[in-house]
């Protein structure tokens, strides 16, 4: 909770996929999501998070890759 509550970073995957519940993002089972991309509103004012997804790497590693795409904010 230090990253999200005290430092105010946000989980990029949750921002793009608000319909997915925390219990669907378990970090205990093999091959589930254990990598994250965090964004901070102050840092990202010039950039917009446009996409974020989890890439299935089953059989290759116990990590599932997190992919994020940003676009430059045209107003800055």
PDB file of N, CA and C in Angstrom:
ATOM      1  N   UNK A   1       0.803  -1.204   0.000  1.00  0.00           N
ATOM      2  CA  UNK A   1       0.000   0.000   0.000  1.00  0.00           C
ATOM      3  C   UNK A   1       0.848   1.271   0.000  1.00  0.00           C
ATOM      4  N   UNK A   2       2.120   1.158   0.249  1.00  0.00           N
ATOM      5  CA  UNK A   2       3.003   2.318   0.262  1.00  0.00           C
ATOM      6  C   UNK A   2       2.973   3.027  -1.093  1.00  0.00           C
ATOM      7  N   UNK A   3       3.096   2.270  -2.166  1.00  0.00           N
ATOM      8  CA  UNK A   3       3.153   2.860  -3.504  1.00  0.00           C
ATOM      9  C   UNK A   3       1.843   3.545  -3.872  1.00  0.00           C
ATOM     10  N   UNK A   4       0.720   2.862  -3.648  1.00  0.00           N
ATOM     11  CA  UNK A   4      -0.564   3.411  -4.083  1.00  0.00           C
ATOM     12  C   UNK A   4      -1.199   4.384  -3.096  1.00  0.00           C
ATOM     13  N   UNK A   5      -1.016   4.173  -1.825  1.00  0.00           N
ATOM     14  CA  UNK A   5      -1.705   5.025  -0.856  1.00  0.00           C
ATOM     15  C   UNK A   5      -0.860   6.190  -0.351  1.00  0.00           C
ATOM     16  N   UNK A   6       0.408   5.965  -0.102  1.00  0.00           N
ATOM     17  CA  UNK A   6       1.230   7.050   0.434  1.00  0.00           C
ATOM     18  C   UNK A   6       1.900   7.866  -0.667  1.00  0.00           C
ATOM     19  N   UNK A   7       2.311   7.206  -1.742  1.00  0.00           N
ATOM     20  CA  UNK A   7       2.992   7.915  -2.820  1.00  0.00           C
ATOM     21  C   UNK A   7       2.046   8.290  -3.957  1.00  0.00           C
ATOM     22  N   UNK A   8       0.799   7.828  -3.898  1.00  0.00           N
ATOM     23  CA  UNK A   8      -0.252   8.164  -4.864  1.00  0.00           C
ATOM     24  C   UNK A   8      -0.002   7.680  -6.290  1.00  0.00           C
ATOM     25  N   UNK A   9       0.741   6.603  -6.439  1.00  0.00           N
ATOM     26  CA  UNK A   9       0.878   5.991  -7.756  1.00  0.00           C
ATOM     27  C   UNK A   9      -0.366   5.162  -8.040  1.00  0.00           C
ATOM     28  N   UNK A  10      -0.681   5.003  -9.324  1.00  0.00           N
ATOM     29  CA  UNK A  10      -1.851   4.236  -9.718  1.00  0.00           C
ATOM     30  C   UNK A  10      -1.428   3.078 -10.608  1.00  0.00           C
ATOM     31  N   UNK A  11      -2.100   1.966 -10.449  1.00  0.00           N
ATOM     32  CA  UNK A  11      -1.856   0.773 -11.243  1.00  0.00           C
ATOM     33  C   UNK A  11      -2.413   1.008 -12.649  1.00  0.00           C
ATOM     34  N   UNK A  12      -1.548   1.040 -13.657  1.00  0.00           N
ATOM     35  CA  UNK A  12      -1.967   1.332 -15.028  1.00  0.00           C
ATOM     36  C   UNK A  12      -3.006   0.338 -15.536  1.00  0.00           C
ATOM     37  N   UNK A  13      -2.839  -0.935 -15.222  1.00  0.00           N
ATOM     38  CA  UNK A  13      -3.792  -1.943 -15.691  1.00  0.00           C
ATOM     39  C   UNK A  13      -5.178  -1.701 -15.101  1.00  0.00           C
ATOM     40  N   UNK A  14      -5.232  -1.347 -13.826  1.00  0.00           N
ATOM     41  CA  UNK A  14      -6.529  -1.072 -13.188  1.00  0.00           C
ATOM     42  C   UNK A  14      -7.171   0.203 -13.730  1.00  0.00           C
ATOM     43  N   UNK A  15      -6.363   1.191 -14.095  1.00  0.00           N
ATOM     44  CA  UNK A  15      -6.921   2.416 -14.669  1.00  0.00           C
ATOM     45  C   UNK A  15      -7.621   2.136 -15.994  1.00  0.00           C
ATOM     46  N   UNK A  16      -7.019   1.300 -16.815  1.00  0.00           N
ATOM     47  CA  UNK A  16      -7.578   0.981 -18.130  1.00  0.00           C
ATOM     48  C   UNK A  16      -8.682  -0.061 -18.032  1.00  0.00           C
ATOM     49  N   UNK A  17      -8.635  -0.901 -17.018  1.00  0.00           N
ATOM     50  CA  UNK A  17      -9.591  -2.005 -16.866  1.00  0.00           C
ATOM     51  C   UNK A  17     -10.315  -1.926 -15.523  1.00  0.00           C
ATOM     52  N   UNK A  18     -11.101  -0.875 -15.281  1.00  0.00           N
ATOM     53  CA  UNK A  18     -11.738  -0.709 -13.969  1.00  0.00           C
ATOM     54  C   UNK A  18     -12.784  -1.774 -13.648  1.00  0.00           C
ATOM     55  N   UNK A  19     -13.267  -2.480 -14.658  1.00  0.00           N
ATOM     56  CA  UNK A  19     -14.287  -3.510 -14.434  1.00  0.00           C
ATOM     57  C   UNK A  19     -13.712  -4.778 -13.807  1.00  0.00           C
ATOM     58  N   UNK A  20     -12.398  -4.946 -13.831  1.00  0.00           N
ATOM     59  CA  UNK A  20     -11.768  -6.138 -13.272  1.00  0.00           C
ATOM     60  C   UNK A  20     -11.559  -5.939 -11.776  1.00  0.00           C
ATOM     61  N   UNK A  21     -12.007  -6.883 -11.008  1.00  0.00           N
ATOM     62  CA  UNK A  21     -11.931  -6.820  -9.544  1.00  0.00           C
ATOM     63  C   UNK A  21     -10.554  -7.277  -9.061  1.00  0.00           C
ATOM     64  N   UNK A  22     -10.146  -6.803  -7.885  1.00  0.00           N
ATOM     65  CA  UNK A  22      -8.844  -7.161  -7.313  1.00  0.00           C
ATOM     66  C   UNK A  22      -8.654  -8.663  -7.192  1.00  0.00           C
ATOM     67  N   UNK A  23      -9.702  -9.388  -6.815  1.00  0.00           N
ATOM     68  CA  UNK A  23      -9.558 -10.832  -6.637  1.00  0.00           C
ATOM     69  C   UNK A  23      -9.294 -11.556  -7.956  1.00  0.00           C
ATOM     70  N   UNK A  24      -9.547 -10.900  -9.083  1.00  0.00           N
ATOM     71  CA  UNK A  24      -9.238 -11.485 -10.384  1.00  0.00           C
ATOM     72  C   UNK A  24      -7.774 -11.261 -10.752  1.00  0.00           C
ATOM     73  N   UNK A  25      -7.055 -10.503  -9.956  1.00  0.00           N
ATOM     74  CA  UNK A  25      -5.658 -10.174 -10.224  1.00  0.00           C
ATOM     75  C   UNK A  25      -4.735 -10.799  -9.194  1.00  0.00           C
ATOM     76  N   UNK A  26      -5.033 -11.994  -8.798  1.00  0.00           N
ATOM     77  CA  UNK A  26      -4.260 -12.691  -7.774  1.00  0.00           C
ATOM     78  C   UNK A  26      -2.793 -12.780  -8.158  1.00  0.00           C
ATOM     79  N   UNK A  27      -1.934 -12.703  -7.159  1.00  0.00           N
ATOM     80  CA  UNK A  27      -0.498 -12.823  -7.412  1.00  0.00           C
ATOM     81  C   UNK A  27       0.069 -14.123  -6.865  1.00  0.00           C
ATOM     82  N   UNK A  28      -0.786 -15.032  -6.397  1.00  0.00           N
ATOM     83  CA  UNK A  28      -0.305 -16.244  -5.744  1.00  0.00           C
ATOM     84  C   UNK A  28      -0.106 -17.415  -6.699  1.00  0.00           C
ATOM     85  N   UNK A  29      -0.999 -17.634  -7.605  1.00  0.00           N
ATOM     86  CA  UNK A  29      -0.938 -18.797  -8.484  1.00  0.00           C
ATOM     87  C   UNK A  29       0.102 -18.602  -9.583  1.00  0.00           C
ATOM     88  N   UNK A  30       0.691 -19.708 -10.000  1.00  0.00           N
ATOM     89  CA  UNK A  30       1.678 -19.680 -11.078  1.00  0.00           C
ATOM     90  C   UNK A  30       1.063 -19.059 -12.327  1.00  0.00           C
ATOM     91  N   UNK A  31       1.795 -18.179 -12.953  1.00  0.00           N
ATOM     92  CA  UNK A  31       1.347 -17.591 -14.203  1.00  0.00           C
ATOM     93  C   UNK A  31       0.342 -16.466 -14.062  1.00  0.00           C
ATOM     94  N   UNK A  32       0.103 -16.013 -12.848  1.00  0.00           N
ATOM     95  CA  UNK A  32      -0.808 -14.883 -12.679  1.00  0.00           C
ATOM     96  C   UNK A  32      -0.011 -13.594 -12.639  1.00  0.00           C
ATOM     97  N   UNK A  33      -0.703 -12.519 -12.588  1.00  0.00           N
ATOM     98  CA  UNK A  33      -0.076 -11.209 -12.683  1.00  0.00           C
ATOM     99  C   UNK A  33       0.770 -10.890 -11.454  1.00  0.00           C
ATOM    100  N   UNK A  34       2.067 -10.720 -11.656  1.00  0.00           N
ATOM    101  CA  UNK A  34       2.946 -10.304 -10.565  1.00  0.00           C
ATOM    102  C   UNK A  34       3.807  -9.108 -10.955  1.00  0.00           C
ATOM    103  N   UNK A  35       3.643  -8.627 -12.177  1.00  0.00           N
ATOM    104  CA  UNK A  35       4.368  -7.446 -12.622  1.00  0.00           C
ATOM    105  C   UNK A  35       3.381  -6.300 -12.783  1.00  0.00           C
ATOM    106  N   UNK A  36       3.862  -5.098 -12.583  1.00  0.00           N
ATOM    107  CA  UNK A  36       2.991  -3.927 -12.598  1.00  0.00           C
ATOM    108  C   UNK A  36       3.668  -2.779 -13.328  1.00  0.00           C
ATOM    109  N   UNK A  37       2.866  -1.877 -13.832  1.00  0.00           N
ATOM    110  CA  UNK A  37       3.331  -0.578 -14.302  1.00  0.00           C
ATOM    111  C   UNK A  37       2.529   0.442 -13.509  1.00  0.00           C
ATOM    112  N   UNK A  38       3.227   1.277 -12.773  1.00  0.00           N
ATOM    113  CA  UNK A  38       2.567   2.305 -11.980  1.00  0.00           C
ATOM    114  C   UNK A  38       2.748   3.656 -12.652  1.00  0.00           C
ATOM    115  N   UNK A  39       1.720   4.468 -12.604  1.00  0.00           N
ATOM    116  CA  UNK A  39       1.786   5.820 -13.145  1.00  0.00           C
ATOM    117  C   UNK A  39       1.491   6.801 -12.015  1.00  0.00           C
ATOM    118  N   UNK A  40       2.074   7.972 -12.129  1.00  0.00           N
ATOM    119  CA  UNK A  40       1.859   9.013 -11.121  1.00  0.00           C
ATOM    120  C   UNK A  40       1.279  10.230 -11.838  1.00  0.00           C
ATOM    121  N   UNK A  41       0.141  10.721 -11.399  1.00  0.00           N
ATOM    122  CA  UNK A  41      -0.511  11.833 -12.097  1.00  0.00           C
ATOM    123  C   UNK A  41       0.390  13.044 -12.323  1.00  0.00           C
ATOM    124  N   UNK A  42       1.183  13.396 -11.364  1.00  0.00           N
ATOM    125  CA  UNK A  42       2.052  14.572 -11.505  1.00  0.00           C
ATOM    126  C   UNK A  42       3.079  14.365 -12.613  1.00  0.00           C
ATOM    127  N   UNK A  43       3.636  13.190 -12.690  1.00  0.00           N
ATOM    128  CA  UNK A  43       4.652  12.881 -13.688  1.00  0.00           C
ATOM    129  C   UNK A  43       4.029  12.743 -15.078  1.00  0.00           C
ATOM    130  N   UNK A  44       2.817  12.258 -15.148  1.00  0.00           N
ATOM    131  CA  UNK A  44       2.205  11.931 -16.430  1.00  0.00           C
ATOM    132  C   UNK A  44       1.336  13.027 -17.020  1.00  0.00           C
ATOM    133  N   UNK A  45       1.453  14.239 -16.550  1.00  0.00           N
ATOM    134  CA  UNK A  45       0.615  15.302 -17.076  1.00  0.00           C
ATOM    135  C   UNK A  45       0.812  15.513 -18.573  1.00  0.00           C
ATOM    136  N   UNK A  46       1.993  15.262 -19.092  1.00  0.00           N
ATOM    137  CA  UNK A  46       2.257  15.451 -20.515  1.00  0.00           C
ATOM    138  C   UNK A  46       1.962  14.204 -21.336  1.00  0.00           C
ATOM    139  N   UNK A  47       1.627  13.117 -20.665  1.00  0.00           N
ATOM    140  CA  UNK A  47       1.374  11.853 -21.351  1.00  0.00           C
ATOM    141  C   UNK A  47       0.063  11.247 -20.874  1.00  0.00           C
ATOM    142  N   UNK A  48      -0.654  10.610 -21.775  1.00  0.00           N
ATOM    143  CA  UNK A  48      -1.904   9.923 -21.446  1.00  0.00           C
ATOM    144  C   UNK A  48      -1.706   8.423 -21.585  1.00  0.00           C
ATOM    145  N   UNK A  49      -2.136   7.689 -20.600  1.00  0.00           N
ATOM    146  CA  UNK A  49      -2.150   6.235 -20.690  1.00  0.00           C
ATOM    147  C   UNK A  49      -3.300   5.855 -21.611  1.00  0.00           C
ATOM    148  N   UNK A  50      -3.010   5.181 -22.722  1.00  0.00           N
ATOM    149  CA  UNK A  50      -4.054   4.852 -23.695  1.00  0.00           C
ATOM    150  C   UNK A  50      -4.400   3.373 -23.725  1.00  0.00           C
ATOM    151  N   UNK A  51      -3.437   2.511 -23.406  1.00  0.00           N
ATOM    152  CA  UNK A  51      -3.681   1.069 -23.402  1.00  0.00           C
ATOM    153  C   UNK A  51      -2.848   0.424 -22.310  1.00  0.00           C
ATOM    154  N   UNK A  52      -3.362  -0.649 -21.764  1.00  0.00           N
ATOM    155  CA  UNK A  52      -2.591  -1.452 -20.831  1.00  0.00           C
ATOM    156  C   UNK A  52      -3.195  -2.845 -20.825  1.00  0.00           C
ATOM    157  N   UNK A  53      -2.356  -3.835 -21.032  1.00  0.00           N
ATOM    158  CA  UNK A  53      -2.852  -5.208 -21.078  1.00  0.00           C
ATOM    159  C   UNK A  53      -1.809  -6.150 -20.494  1.00  0.00           C
ATOM    160  N   UNK A  54      -2.259  -7.354 -20.229  1.00  0.00           N
ATOM    161  CA  UNK A  54      -1.383  -8.403 -19.720  1.00  0.00           C
ATOM    162  C   UNK A  54      -1.160  -9.399 -20.845  1.00  0.00           C
ATOM    163  N   UNK A  55       0.096  -9.708 -21.114  1.00  0.00           N
ATOM    164  CA  UNK A  55       0.449 -10.638 -22.180  1.00  0.00           C
ATOM    165  C   UNK A  55       0.696 -12.004 -21.567  1.00  0.00           C
ATOM    166  N   UNK A  56      -0.010 -12.991 -22.059  1.00  0.00           N
ATOM    167  CA  UNK A  56       0.124 -14.359 -21.548  1.00  0.00           C
ATOM    168  C   UNK A  56       1.476 -14.932 -21.966  1.00  0.00           C
ATOM    169  N   UNK A  57       2.295 -15.302 -20.997  1.00  0.00           N
ATOM    170  CA  UNK A  57       3.602 -15.902 -21.263  1.00  0.00           C
ATOM    171  C   UNK A  57       3.670 -17.310 -20.677  1.00  0.00           C
ATOM    172  N   UNK A  58       2.528 -17.949 -20.600  1.00  0.00           N
ATOM    173  CA  UNK A  58       2.432 -19.284 -20.007  1.00  0.00           C
ATOM    174  C   UNK A  58       3.439 -20.237 -20.653  1.00  0.00           C
ATOM    175  N   UNK A  59       4.155 -20.948 -19.813  1.00  0.00           N
ATOM    176  CA  UNK A  59       5.142 -21.902 -20.290  1.00  0.00           C
ATOM    177  C   UNK A  59       6.517 -21.301 -20.529  1.00  0.00           C
ATOM    178  N   UNK A  60       6.609 -19.991 -20.562  1.00  0.00           N
ATOM    179  CA  UNK A  60       7.888 -19.326 -20.795  1.00  0.00           C
ATOM    180  C   UNK A  60       8.483 -18.827 -19.481  1.00  0.00           C
ATOM    181  N   UNK A  61       7.641 -18.240 -18.656  1.00  0.00           N
ATOM    182  CA  UNK A  61       8.073 -17.677 -17.385  1.00  0.00           C
ATOM    183  C   UNK A  61       6.896 -17.670 -16.418  1.00  0.00           C
ATOM    184  N   UNK A  62       7.178 -17.491 -15.144  1.00  0.00           N
ATOM    185  CA  UNK A  62       6.080 -17.394 -14.184  1.00  0.00           C
ATOM    186  C   UNK A  62       5.543 -15.967 -14.093  1.00  0.00           C
ATOM    187  N   UNK A  63       6.105 -15.058 -14.875  1.00  0.00           N
ATOM    188  CA  UNK A  63       5.611 -13.682 -14.949  1.00  0.00           C
ATOM    189  C   UNK A  63       4.704 -13.544 -16.161  1.00  0.00           C
ATOM    190  N   UNK A  64       3.682 -12.741 -16.040  1.00  0.00           N
ATOM    191  CA  UNK A  64       2.901 -12.313 -17.191  1.00  0.00           C
ATOM    192  C   UNK A  64       3.292 -10.873 -17.473  1.00  0.00           C
ATOM    193  N   UNK A  65       3.724 -10.608 -18.680  1.00  0.00           N
ATOM    194  CA  UNK A  65       4.175  -9.265 -19.043  1.00  0.00           C
ATOM    195  C   UNK A  65       3.021  -8.278 -18.995  1.00  0.00           C
ATOM    196  N   UNK A  66       3.311  -7.084 -18.540  1.00  0.00           N
ATOM    197  CA  UNK A  66       2.345  -5.997 -18.560  1.00  0.00           C
ATOM    198  C   UNK A  66       2.813  -5.015 -19.627  1.00  0.00           C
ATOM    199  N   UNK A  67       1.923  -4.707 -20.557  1.00  0.00           N
ATOM    200  CA  UNK A  67       2.221  -3.820 -21.673  1.00  0.00           C
ATOM    201  C   UNK A  67       1.414  -2.539 -21.503  1.00  0.00           C
ATOM    202  N   UNK A  68       2.068  -1.389 -21.574  1.00  0.00           N
ATOM    203  CA  UNK A  68       1.370  -0.105 -21.485  1.00  0.00           C
ATOM    204  C   UNK A  68       1.764   0.767 -22.665  1.00  0.00           C
ATOM    205  N   UNK A  69       0.791   1.505 -23.152  1.00  0.00           N
ATOM    206  CA  UNK A  69       1.023   2.419 -24.261  1.00  0.00           C
ATOM    207  C   UNK A  69       0.580   3.814 -23.834  1.00  0.00           C
ATOM    208  N   UNK A  70       1.424   4.795 -24.121  1.00  0.00           N
ATOM    209  CA  UNK A  70       1.146   6.180 -23.760  1.00  0.00           C
ATOM    210  C   UNK A  70       1.151   7.037 -25.019  1.00  0.00           C
ATOM    211  N   UNK A  71       0.365   8.097 -25.019  1.00  0.00           N
ATOM    212  CA  UNK A  71       0.401   9.062 -26.114  1.00  0.00           C
ATOM    213  C   UNK A  71       0.645  10.443 -25.513  1.00  0.00           C
ATOM    214  N   UNK A  72       1.315  11.270 -26.282  1.00  0.00           N
ATOM    215  CA  UNK A  72       1.627  12.611 -25.794  1.00  0.00           C
ATOM    216  C   UNK A  72       0.354  13.446 -25.778  1.00  0.00           C
ATOM    217  N   UNK A  73       0.152  14.148 -24.687  1.00  0.00           N
ATOM    218  CA  UNK A  73      -1.008  15.018 -24.534  1.00  0.00           C
ATOM    219  C   UNK A  73      -0.817  16.226 -25.440  1.00  0.00           C
ATOM    220  N   UNK A  74      -1.706  16.433 -26.373  1.00  0.00           N
ATOM    221  CA  UNK A  74      -1.556  17.516 -27.346  1.00  0.00           C
ATOM    222  C   UNK A  74      -1.742  18.906 -26.743  1.00  0.00           C
ATOM    223  N   UNK A  75      -2.310  18.992 -25.554  1.00  0.00           N
ATOM    224  CA  UNK A  75      -2.530  20.302 -24.930  1.00  0.00           C
ATOM    225  C   UNK A  75      -1.308  20.816 -24.180  1.00  0.00           C
ATOM    226  N   UNK A  76      -0.245  19.993 -24.058  1.00  0.00           N
ATOM    227  CA  UNK A  76       0.973  20.431 -23.347  1.00  0.00           C
ATOM    228  C   UNK A  76       2.109  20.620 -24.298  1.00  0.00           C
TER     229      UNK A  76
END
